C-alpha atoms as a PDB file:
ATOM      1  CA  UNK A   1      -0.020  -0.338   0.257  1.00  0.00           C
ATOM      2  CA  UNK A   2       1.283   3.424  -0.488  1.00  0.00           C
ATOM      3  CA  UNK A   3       1.456   6.434   2.120  1.00  0.00           C
ATOM      4  CA  UNK A   4      -2.144   8.401   2.188  1.00  0.00           C
ATOM      5  CA  UNK A   5      -3.242   5.556  -0.169  1.00  0.00           C
ATOM      6  CA  UNK A   6      -5.729   2.574   1.414  1.00  0.00           C
ATOM      7  CA  UNK A   7      -6.311   0.156  -1.040  1.00  0.00           C
ATOM      8  CA  UNK A   8      -9.617  -2.158  -0.599  1.00  0.00           C
ATOM      9  CA  UNK A   9      -8.662  -5.849   0.086  1.00  0.00           C
ATOM     10  CA  UNK A  10     -10.264  -9.010  -1.002  1.00  0.00           C
ATOM     11  CA  UNK A  11      -9.984 -11.912  -0.070  1.00  0.00           C
ATOM     12  CA  UNK A  12     -11.122 -15.057  -1.850  1.00  0.00           C
ATOM     13  CA  UNK A  13     -10.675 -19.042  -1.118  1.00  0.00           C
ATOM     14  CA  UNK A  14      -8.757 -20.882  -4.038  1.00  0.00           C
ATOM     15  CA  UNK A  15      -9.339 -22.955  -6.314  1.00  0.00           C
ATOM     16  CA  UNK A  16     -13.176 -22.782  -5.961  1.00  0.00           C
ATOM     17  CA  UNK A  17     -14.657 -21.268  -3.583  1.00  0.00           C
ATOM     18  CA  UNK A  18     -17.621 -23.482  -3.742  1.00  0.00           C
ATOM     19  CA  UNK A  19     -15.858 -26.503  -3.186  1.00  0.00           C
ATOM     20  CA  UNK A  20     -15.165 -25.517   0.675  1.00  0.00           C
ATOM     21  CA  UNK A  21     -16.460 -26.451   3.515  1.00  0.00           C
ATOM     22  CA  UNK A  22     -15.914 -22.712   4.612  1.00  0.00           C
ATOM     23  CA  UNK A  23     -16.579 -19.126   2.791  1.00  0.00           C
ATOM     24  CA  UNK A  24     -14.536 -16.448   3.205  1.00  0.00           C
ATOM     25  CA  UNK A  25     -16.259 -12.582   3.701  1.00  0.00           C
ATOM     26  CA  UNK A  26     -14.464 -11.130   0.278  1.00  0.00           C
ATOM     27  CA  UNK A  27     -13.770  -7.300   2.457  1.00  0.00           C
ATOM     28  CA  UNK A  28     -13.560  -8.495   6.138  1.00  0.00           C
ATOM     29  CA  UNK A  29     -11.393 -12.266   5.805  1.00  0.00           C
ATOM     30  CA  UNK A  30     -13.889 -13.812   8.818  1.00  0.00           C
ATOM     31  CA  UNK A  31     -14.382 -17.363   7.858  1.00  0.00           C
ATOM     32  CA  UNK A  32     -16.923 -19.337   8.350  1.00  0.00           C
ATOM     33  CA  UNK A  33     -18.022 -23.079   7.769  1.00  0.00           C
ATOM     34  CA  UNK A  34     -21.262 -22.685   5.098  1.00  0.00           C
ATOM     35  CA  UNK A  35     -22.764 -25.379   7.069  1.00  0.00           C
ATOM     36  CA  UNK A  36     -23.038 -27.220  10.587  1.00  0.00           C
ATOM     37  CA  UNK A  37     -19.987 -28.882  10.665  1.00  0.00           C
ATOM     38  CA  UNK A  38     -19.800 -32.262  12.184  1.00  0.00           C
ATOM     39  CA  UNK A  39     -16.473 -34.230  13.890  1.00  0.00           C
ATOM     40  CA  UNK A  40     -18.105 -37.230  13.274  1.00  0.00           C
ATOM     41  CA  UNK A  41     -17.661 -36.543   9.386  1.00  0.00           C
ATOM     42  CA  UNK A  42     -15.136 -33.898   9.672  1.00  0.00           C
ATOM     43  CA  UNK A  43     -11.902 -33.831  11.830  1.00  0.00           C
ATOM     44  CA  UNK A  44     -10.308 -31.310   9.766  1.00  0.00           C
ATOM     45  CA  UNK A  45     -10.362 -29.712   6.993  1.00  0.00           C
ATOM     46  CA  UNK A  46      -7.382 -27.034   5.413  1.00  0.00           C
ATOM     47  CA  UNK A  47      -7.588 -24.278   2.742  1.00  0.00           C
ATOM     48  CA  UNK A  48      -5.862 -21.792   0.567  1.00  0.00           C
ATOM     49  CA  UNK A  49      -6.840 -17.950   0.355  1.00  0.00           C
ATOM     50  CA  UNK A  50      -5.953 -15.470  -1.154  1.00  0.00           C
ATOM     51  CA  UNK A  51      -5.675 -11.437   0.452  1.00  0.00           C
ATOM     52  CA  UNK A  52      -5.245  -9.299  -2.849  1.00  0.00           C
ATOM     53  CA  UNK A  53      -4.895  -5.336  -2.785  1.00  0.00           C
ATOM     54  CA  UNK A  54      -4.913  -4.479  -6.211  1.00  0.00           C
ATOM     55  CA  UNK A  55      -1.146  -4.074  -6.215  1.00  0.00           C
ATOM     56  CA  UNK A  56      -0.039  -7.229  -4.033  1.00  0.00           C
ATOM     57  CA  UNK A  57      -1.568 -10.255  -2.742  1.00  0.00           C
ATOM     58  CA  UNK A  58      -1.035 -13.182  -0.312  1.00  0.00           C
ATOM     59  CA  UNK A  59      -1.616 -16.458  -0.124  1.00  0.00           C
ATOM     60  CA  UNK A  60      -2.040 -18.882   3.043  1.00  0.00           C
ATOM     61  CA  UNK A  61      -3.632 -22.145   4.122  1.00  0.00           C
ATOM     62  CA  UNK A  62      -6.113 -22.205   6.998  1.00  0.00           C
ATOM     63  CA  UNK A  63      -6.510 -25.728   8.335  1.00  0.00           C
ATOM     64  CA  UNK A  64      -9.157 -25.675  11.327  1.00  0.00           C
ATOM     65  CA  UNK A  65      -9.337 -28.381  13.532  1.00  0.00           C
ATOM     66  CA  UNK A  66     -12.562 -29.708  14.600  1.00  0.00           C
ATOM     67  CA  UNK A  67     -13.151 -30.337  18.485  1.00  0.00           C
ATOM     68  CA  UNK A  68     -14.895 -33.148  20.148  1.00  0.00           C
ATOM     69  CA  UNK A  69     -18.123 -31.847  21.869  1.00  0.00           C
ATOM     70  CA  UNK A  70     -20.880 -34.468  23.314  1.00  0.00           C
ATOM     71  CA  UNK A  71     -23.408 -33.272  20.793  1.00  0.00           C
ATOM     72  CA  UNK A  72     -25.120 -37.483  20.341  1.00  0.00           C
ATOM     73  CA  UNK A  73     -27.968 -37.916  23.412  1.00  0.00           C
ATOM     74  CA  UNK A  74     -26.827 -41.284  24.817  1.00  0.00           C
ATOM     75  CA  UNK A  75     -29.075 -43.835  23.764  1.00  0.00           C
ATOM     76  CA  UNK A  76     -30.000 -46.244  26.508  1.00  0.00           C
ATOM     77  CA  UNK A  77     -31.632 -50.381  26.810  1.00  0.00           C
ATOM     78  CA  UNK A  78     -35.066 -49.688  27.441  1.00  0.00           C
ATOM     79  CA  UNK A  79     -34.880 -53.388  28.698  1.00  0.00           C
ATOM     80  CA  UNK A  80     -33.827 -52.875  32.421  1.00  0.00           C
ATOM     81  CA  UNK A  81     -36.719 -52.065  34.708  1.00  0.00           C
ATOM     82  CA  UNK A  82     -37.138 -48.193  36.623  1.00  0.00           C
ATOM     83  CA  UNK A  83     -37.603 -50.260  39.998  1.00  0.00           C
ATOM     84  CA  UNK A  84     -33.857 -52.072  41.629  1.00  0.00           C
ATOM     85  CA  UNK A  85     -35.212 -54.618  44.619  1.00  0.00           C
ATOM     86  CA  UNK A  86     -31.542 -55.863  46.597  1.00  0.00           C
ATOM     87  CA  UNK A  87     -32.320 -58.118  48.844  1.00  0.00           C
ATOM     88  CA  UNK A  88     -31.740 -57.359  52.596  1.00  0.00           C
ATOM     89  CA  UNK A  89     -28.213 -58.066  54.251  1.00  0.00           C
ATOM     90  CA  UNK A  90     -26.475 -58.760  50.591  1.00  0.00           C
ATOM     91  CA  UNK A  91     -23.334 -57.983  50.261  1.00  0.00           C
ATOM     92  CA  UNK A  92     -21.493 -56.548  46.768  1.00  0.00           C
ATOM     93  CA  UNK A  93     -24.544 -57.408  44.639  1.00  0.00           C
ATOM     94  CA  UNK A  94     -24.459 -55.439  41.278  1.00  0.00           C
ATOM     95  CA  UNK A  95     -27.006 -53.184  41.211  1.00  0.00           C
ATOM     96  CA  UNK A  96     -27.843 -52.679  37.517  1.00  0.00           C
ATOM     97  CA  UNK A  97     -25.477 -52.901  34.459  1.00  0.00           C
ATOM     98  CA  UNK A  98     -26.069 -50.507  32.030  1.00  0.00           C
ATOM     99  CA  UNK A  99     -25.707 -50.571  28.082  1.00  0.00           C
ATOM    100  CA  UNK A 100     -25.771 -46.848  26.234  1.00  0.00           C
ATOM    101  CA  UNK A 101     -24.561 -46.416  22.912  1.00  0.00           C
END
């Protein structure tokens, strides 16, 4: 940039912006997902971003790693009853075995 002149910078994802799972705001350079990202389907992704101001340009590779959050509720086996009975004076009895997926 020339001192005293401020040129507008523009950012774009290379080589094909529509093929990436991320999108970049051309004016601010802010990266955002195109849709909700699910770590079970995508652990990480990398995109090349080019920023240009009309005179100069630069390309950087941006990699995003998705954090694993518990977004799926466990499903319990409904076969067990809701009432547990333990005989009096029983020691070390197995009270319950829960299976969840």
